[in-house]
Protein backbone atom coordinates (compact mmCIF):
# COMPACT_ATOMS: atom_id res chain seq x y z
CA MET A 1 -0.09 0.15 -0.20
CA SER A 2 1.32 3.25 -1.18
CA SER A 3 2.36 6.13 1.81
CA GLN A 4 -0.67 8.62 2.49
CA LEU A 5 1.92 11.40 0.83
CA ASP A 6 1.69 9.17 -2.49
CA ALA A 7 -2.02 9.26 -2.25
CA LEU A 8 -2.34 12.59 -1.32
CA LYS A 9 -0.38 13.55 -4.57
CA THR A 10 -2.92 11.93 -6.82
CA LEU A 11 -5.47 14.46 -5.41
CA SER A 12 -4.00 17.37 -4.50
CA LEU A 13 -0.50 19.65 -5.82
CA VAL A 14 1.65 18.44 -2.95
CA VAL A 15 4.11 22.08 -2.45
CA ALA A 16 7.21 21.76 0.24
CA ASP A 17 7.00 24.82 2.46
CA THR A 18 11.02 25.43 2.91
CA GLY A 19 13.99 26.11 1.25
CA ASP A 20 15.74 23.01 2.79
CA PRO A 21 17.39 21.03 -0.59
CA ASP A 22 17.34 17.51 1.32
CA ALA A 23 13.80 17.92 2.24
CA ILE A 24 12.66 19.12 -1.04
CA ARG A 25 14.47 15.99 -2.81
CA ARG A 26 13.36 13.56 0.00
CA TYR A 27 9.80 14.18 -0.27
CA GLN A 28 9.44 15.33 -4.38
CA PRO A 29 7.02 18.06 -4.58
CA ALA A 30 6.02 19.71 -7.37
CA ASP A 31 6.60 23.92 -5.89
CA ALA A 32 8.12 25.07 -3.58
CA THR A 33 7.86 27.98 -1.20
CA THR A 34 10.00 30.69 0.16
CA ASN A 35 9.53 33.72 3.01
CA PRO A 36 12.42 35.55 5.39
CA SER A 37 11.27 32.81 7.56
CA LEU A 38 12.60 30.14 5.64
CA LEU A 39 15.41 31.99 4.38
CA LEU A 40 16.58 32.73 8.03
CA LYS A 41 16.51 29.02 8.37
CA ALA A 42 18.54 28.15 5.51
CA PHE A 43 21.94 30.47 7.16
CA GLU A 44 22.09 27.66 9.45
CA LEU A 45 21.91 24.97 6.56
CA PRO A 46 25.30 23.32 5.50
CA GLY A 47 24.28 23.39 1.94
CA TYR A 48 23.90 27.16 1.56
CA GLN A 49 26.94 28.33 3.21
CA ALA A 50 29.23 28.84 -0.21
CA LEU A 51 26.55 30.15 -2.17
CA ILE A 52 25.82 32.40 0.81
CA ASP A 53 29.37 33.48 0.69
CA ASP A 54 29.87 34.31 -3.35
CA GLU A 55 26.33 36.19 -3.13
CA LEU A 56 27.68 38.72 -0.31
CA ALA A 57 30.92 38.85 -2.17
CA THR A 58 28.85 39.80 -5.26
CA VAL A 59 27.10 42.13 -3.45
CA ARG A 60 29.96 44.12 -2.00
CA SER A 61 31.74 44.82 -5.56
CA GLU A 62 28.22 46.08 -6.90
CA ARG A 63 27.17 48.32 -3.54
CA SER A 64 29.34 50.98 -1.25
CA ASP A 65 26.75 51.88 0.48
CA ARG A 66 25.66 49.36 3.36
CA GLN A 67 22.07 49.67 3.67
CA ALA A 68 22.34 49.37 0.31
CA GLN A 69 24.29 46.33 0.43
CA VAL A 70 22.18 44.57 2.56
CA ASP A 71 19.27 45.25 1.07
CA HIS A 72 20.74 44.00 -2.30
CA ALA A 73 21.88 41.03 -0.87
CA VAL A 74 18.40 39.71 0.46
CA ASP A 75 17.21 39.87 -3.10
CA ARG A 76 19.98 37.98 -4.33
CA LEU A 77 20.33 35.61 -1.94
CA ALA A 78 16.19 34.94 -2.16
CA VAL A 79 16.67 34.91 -6.02
CA ALA A 80 20.03 32.20 -5.71
CA MET A 81 18.21 30.24 -3.39
CA GLY A 82 15.02 30.14 -5.16
CA THR A 83 17.11 29.46 -8.68
CA GLU A 84 18.55 26.42 -6.78
CA ILE A 85 15.67 24.86 -5.90
CA THR A 86 14.05 25.41 -9.46
CA LYS A 87 16.74 22.66 -9.97
CA LEU A 88 14.91 20.20 -7.80
CA VAL A 89 11.36 20.64 -8.52
CA PRO A 90 9.34 20.55 -11.59
CA GLY A 91 7.10 23.61 -11.28
CA ARG A 92 7.14 26.68 -9.51
CA VAL A 93 9.33 28.92 -6.49
CA SER A 94 7.26 31.37 -4.73
CA THR A 95 9.48 34.28 -3.63
CA GLU A 96 8.32 37.06 -1.53
CA VAL A 97 8.25 40.99 -1.79
CA ALA A 98 9.24 42.45 1.58
CA ALA A 99 6.44 42.77 3.88
CA LYS A 100 7.53 46.42 5.06
CA LEU A 101 5.95 47.00 1.30
CA SER A 102 2.22 46.03 2.00
CA PHE A 103 0.81 48.85 1.98
CA ASP A 104 2.61 50.42 -1.02
CA THR A 105 1.41 49.43 -4.58
CA GLN A 106 3.99 51.16 -6.71
CA ALA A 107 6.67 49.76 -4.22
CA SER A 108 5.41 46.27 -4.52
CA ILE A 109 5.32 46.20 -8.65
CA ASP A 110 8.95 47.65 -8.77
CA LYS A 111 10.47 44.87 -6.07
CA ALA A 112 8.70 42.22 -7.81
CA ARG A 113 10.48 43.35 -11.63
CA GLU A 114 13.55 43.74 -9.80
CA LEU A 115 13.27 40.02 -8.91
CA VAL A 116 12.47 38.70 -11.89
CA ALA A 117 15.09 40.53 -13.75
CA LEU A 118 17.36 38.86 -11.40
CA TYR A 119 15.96 35.47 -11.94
CA ASP A 120 16.49 35.96 -15.44
CA GLU A 121 20.13 36.78 -15.04
CA ASN A 122 20.35 33.42 -13.70
CA GLY A 123 18.53 31.80 -16.51
CA VAL A 124 15.22 31.14 -14.88
CA SER A 125 12.00 32.07 -16.78
CA ARG A 126 9.50 34.24 -15.58
CA GLU A 127 7.21 31.26 -15.81
CA ARG A 128 9.31 28.81 -13.00
CA ILE A 129 8.25 31.75 -9.94
CA LEU A 130 5.28 33.17 -8.27
CA ILE A 131 5.79 36.63 -7.14
CA LYS A 132 4.70 36.39 -3.20
CA LEU A 133 2.65 39.72 -2.29
CA ALA A 134 0.23 39.91 0.83
CA SER A 135 -3.35 39.77 0.37
CA THR A 136 -3.98 44.04 1.10
CA TRP A 137 -5.59 46.11 -1.16
CA GLU A 138 -2.56 47.71 -2.20
CA GLY A 139 0.03 43.95 -2.56
CA ILE A 140 -3.49 42.67 -4.78
CA ARG A 141 -3.58 45.76 -6.53
CA ALA A 142 0.31 45.40 -7.64
CA ALA A 143 -0.88 41.75 -8.06
CA GLU A 144 -3.19 42.88 -11.03
CA VAL A 145 -0.86 44.82 -12.78
CA LEU A 146 1.81 42.16 -12.95
CA GLU A 147 -0.82 39.34 -13.61
CA LYS A 148 -0.98 41.49 -17.09
CA GLU A 149 3.09 42.02 -17.93
CA GLY A 150 3.34 37.83 -17.28
CA ILE A 151 4.57 37.72 -13.91
CA ASN A 152 2.45 35.67 -11.82
CA CYS A 153 1.68 35.81 -8.48
CA ASN A 154 0.84 34.48 -4.98
CA LEU A 155 -1.08 36.32 -2.69
CA THR A 156 -0.37 35.04 0.63
CA LEU A 157 -1.99 35.80 4.11
CA LEU A 158 -5.23 35.46 3.47
CA PHE A 159 -7.58 34.96 6.06
CA SER A 160 -11.12 36.44 4.66
CA GLU A 161 -14.09 36.09 1.81
CA ALA A 162 -13.73 39.37 0.85
CA GLN A 163 -9.37 39.39 0.04
CA ALA A 164 -10.32 35.97 -1.72
CA GLN A 165 -12.83 37.33 -3.89
CA ALA A 166 -10.59 40.85 -4.45
CA CYS A 167 -7.35 38.06 -5.70
CA PHE A 168 -10.05 36.26 -8.15
CA ASP A 169 -11.56 39.88 -9.48
CA ALA A 170 -7.80 40.36 -10.08
CA GLY A 171 -6.83 37.46 -11.77
CA VAL A 172 -4.07 36.66 -10.03
CA PHE A 173 -1.92 32.91 -10.49
CA LEU A 174 -3.13 31.79 -7.25
CA VAL A 175 -4.04 32.79 -3.40
CA SER A 176 -2.61 30.99 -0.12
CA PRO A 177 -5.59 30.72 2.14
CA PHE A 178 -4.22 30.01 5.70
CA VAL A 179 -5.52 27.13 8.03
CA GLY A 180 -3.80 27.16 11.00
CA ARG A 181 -3.57 30.70 12.29
CA VAL A 182 -6.91 31.06 11.19
CA THR A 183 -7.82 27.65 13.80
CA ASP A 184 -5.44 29.56 16.18
CA TRP A 185 -7.28 32.76 16.08
CA TYR A 186 -10.22 30.30 17.26
CA LYS A 187 -8.96 28.48 19.59
CA LYS A 188 -7.20 31.23 21.90
CA GLU A 189 -10.92 33.35 21.35
CA THR A 190 -13.38 30.40 22.53
CA GLY A 191 -10.64 27.73 24.62
CA LYS A 192 -12.09 24.99 22.35
CA ASP A 193 -10.24 22.01 20.41
CA TYR A 194 -11.25 21.08 16.88
CA ALA A 195 -11.61 17.85 14.98
CA PRO A 196 -10.27 18.46 11.37
CA GLY A 197 -14.21 17.86 10.36
CA ASP A 198 -15.03 21.61 12.88
CA ASP A 199 -11.36 23.08 12.55
CA PRO A 200 -12.53 26.88 11.78
CA GLY A 201 -9.32 27.15 9.47
CA VAL A 202 -9.87 23.99 7.12
CA ASN A 203 -13.97 25.42 6.78
CA PHE A 204 -12.21 28.73 5.96
CA VAL A 205 -9.92 27.16 3.15
CA ARG A 206 -13.32 24.95 1.84
CA ASN A 207 -15.28 28.21 1.02
CA VAL A 208 -12.37 29.92 -0.49
CA CYS A 209 -12.56 26.74 -2.57
CA SER A 210 -16.62 27.53 -3.01
CA LEU A 211 -16.07 30.58 -3.91
CA ALA A 212 -13.93 30.05 -6.78
CA GLY A 213 -15.95 27.48 -7.97
CA ARG A 214 -19.13 29.22 -8.28
CA GLY A 215 -17.56 32.01 -9.84
CA GLY A 216 -15.70 30.33 -12.11
CA TYR A 217 -11.74 31.70 -11.67
CA ASP A 218 -8.55 30.14 -12.85
CA THR A 219 -7.27 31.66 -9.87
CA VAL A 220 -5.55 28.11 -7.97
CA VAL A 221 -6.41 27.83 -4.28
CA MET A 222 -3.06 26.71 -2.20
CA GLY A 223 -3.89 25.53 1.56
CA ALA A 224 -1.24 26.58 3.81
CA SER A 225 0.01 26.96 7.40
CA PHE A 226 -0.97 23.51 8.75
CA ARG A 227 -0.42 22.47 12.52
CA ASN A 228 -1.18 19.03 11.98
CA THR A 229 -1.68 16.27 9.33
CA GLY A 230 -5.46 15.94 10.07
CA GLN A 231 -5.46 19.55 8.25
CA VAL A 232 -3.77 18.64 5.29
CA LEU A 233 -5.92 15.66 5.23
CA ALA A 234 -9.17 17.58 5.60
CA LEU A 235 -8.28 19.76 2.53
CA ALA A 236 -7.42 16.58 -0.03
CA GLY A 237 -8.70 17.47 -3.51
CA CYS A 238 -7.83 21.57 -2.49
CA HIS A 239 -5.45 22.54 -6.04
CA ARG A 240 -2.48 22.96 -4.04
CA LEU A 241 -1.28 22.33 -0.60
CA THR A 242 1.93 24.15 1.00
CA ILE A 243 3.35 21.31 3.57
CA SER A 244 6.07 21.55 6.29
CA PRO A 245 9.27 19.24 6.18
CA ALA A 246 7.88 17.67 9.54
CA LEU A 247 4.19 17.07 8.30
CA LEU A 248 5.24 15.83 5.19
CA GLU A 249 7.27 13.28 6.93
CA GLU A 250 4.60 11.88 8.76
CA LEU A 251 2.59 11.62 6.11
CA ALA A 252 5.34 10.11 3.99
CA GLY A 253 5.04 7.13 7.18
CA ARG A 254 1.86 6.52 7.19
CA GLU A 255 0.21 4.05 4.70
CA GLY A 256 -3.17 4.38 3.79
CA GLU A 257 -5.84 5.70 1.97
CA VAL A 258 -6.38 9.28 1.47
CA GLU A 259 -10.66 10.68 0.59
CA CYS A 260 -10.87 13.50 -1.28
CA LYS A 261 -12.41 16.17 1.12
CA VAL A 262 -12.71 19.21 -1.25
CA SER A 263 -15.14 20.03 -3.69
CA PHE A 264 -15.21 22.75 -6.22
CA PRO A 265 -18.65 23.54 -7.08
CA PRO A 266 -19.87 24.14 -10.78
CA VAL A 267 -20.23 27.77 -11.78
CA ASP A 268 -22.94 29.66 -11.49
CA GLU A 269 -22.79 33.23 -11.28
CA ARG A 270 -19.88 35.63 -11.00
CA PRO A 271 -20.39 38.50 -8.19
CA ALA A 272 -19.54 41.71 -9.23
CA PRO A 273 -15.99 42.98 -8.86
CA LEU A 274 -15.54 44.07 -5.18
CA ASP A 275 -14.37 48.15 -5.02
CA GLU A 276 -12.24 49.72 -2.63
CA PRO A 277 -14.48 50.49 0.29
CA THR A 278 -16.37 47.44 -0.30
CA PHE A 279 -13.58 45.13 0.09
CA ARG A 280 -11.50 47.20 2.96
CA TRP A 281 -15.48 47.45 5.00
CA GLY A 282 -15.84 43.41 4.50
CA HIS A 283 -12.45 42.56 5.63
CA ASN A 284 -13.12 44.83 8.39
CA GLN A 285 -16.04 43.04 9.74
CA ASP A 286 -13.95 39.78 10.35
CA ALA A 287 -12.19 40.74 13.58
CA MET A 288 -10.00 37.15 12.88
CA ALA A 289 -8.88 38.46 9.58
CA ASN A 290 -8.19 41.78 10.77
CA ASP A 291 -5.72 40.26 13.97
CA LYS A 292 -3.93 37.78 11.86
CA LEU A 293 -3.42 40.30 8.50
CA ALA A 294 -1.77 42.60 11.12
CA GLU A 295 0.28 40.02 12.61
CA GLY A 296 1.73 38.44 9.48
CA ILE A 297 2.46 41.20 8.25
CA ARG A 298 4.56 42.48 11.25
CA ARG A 299 5.86 38.69 11.85
CA PHE A 300 7.58 38.16 8.52
CA ALA A 301 8.85 42.39 8.84
CA ASP A 302 10.33 41.11 12.10
CA ASP A 303 12.13 38.15 9.80
CA GLN A 304 13.23 40.42 7.39
CA ARG A 305 14.55 42.73 9.92
CA LYS A 306 16.45 39.61 11.59
CA LEU A 307 17.90 38.76 8.19
CA GLU A 308 19.12 41.92 7.10
CA THR A 309 21.12 41.71 10.55
CA LEU A 310 22.64 38.22 9.83
CA ILE A 311 23.78 39.80 6.44
CA ASP A 312 24.62 42.68 7.69
CA GLN A 313 27.12 40.98 10.41
CA ARG A 314 28.22 38.60 7.88
CA LEU A 315 29.21 41.41 5.47
CA SER A 316 30.86 42.75 7.95
CA GLY A 317 33.26 39.42 8.71
C-alpha cells in the first residue's frame, strides 16, 4: 500500500513549505515556497554556506553603501536560493516581496520586477516563479498589474472572503488561504479544540474553494499554514497544499488511502468585482482576518529585519 503522501499527491499538487534542499529531494514536491522565515533557516544549513558567501561577495562589488548592500543581498539571496530550488522541483518557486511594502502598490510592483530580472540573470524564466505578495488591497492591486505583464503572483496572508474575492477579481494566479493561523485565533477566543471536520481554518479554505468554483475563476487555491496532518488530509482535493517537512515526513511514514474532501462546485454566477470601500468593509467585519493579517505582516517584517541583521554581520565579517 502506498503512503498517505503518495495518495495525497493524486488529489492535490503538493508544495514544500521549505527551502531545505535535502527535504525537497526527499519528498519530491511539485513546487516550493520561500519567505524571510525560511531564508533565516537557510543561514543554518551547511548546503547554503558557499552560495551565501558568493552572493555577498557579489554584493560587496556592486554596492558601496552598507544599507544598499544589505537590501541588495536580501534580494540576491532569495533569488539565488530560489534558483537552486528550481533545479529540484519541476514546477514553480514562490519568492516574497518584503512585508514592509505591503501597503505600497508601486513599490511592490518595482520590487517584483527587480526579482524577476535577477531570476532572468540566473537563467530562470518567469514561468518558473511566483511573486509572493500580502493580500492587502495594495498588494492585490500590485498583483493585478504584474499579472498583466506575465508575472504570476502568489497572494499570501489570506484570511477573509473579501481578500479571496478581490484576488479572484484581479485575476491572480494563486492564493494561499491560511489554515493553522485561523484555527489558532479561534482556539484562543473560544478555548476549544477542533476536530478536522469542524476546524475553522479548514472550513475557511473550503469556503474559498467554493467561491472559486461558483465564480468560475482560474485562480489556483493553495491551502497553507498547517498545524497537523489532520488539517492537511481534511483539505485533500484542494488545488495545491503547501506543507512543512515535518508534516510531509508524517504523511510519508503512514500507509493508507486518502479521501477527497474538497470539491469545487459548478459555475453559478460571478459576483460584481469588489471596489475598495466594499473590500475594506468586508475585511473589517471579520475580526479574525483583521488580527491575523496585521500580525502576519508584522511577523514577516520582523523576520526580514533579523535576516538583514545576519547579512550585515556576515558582510562585516
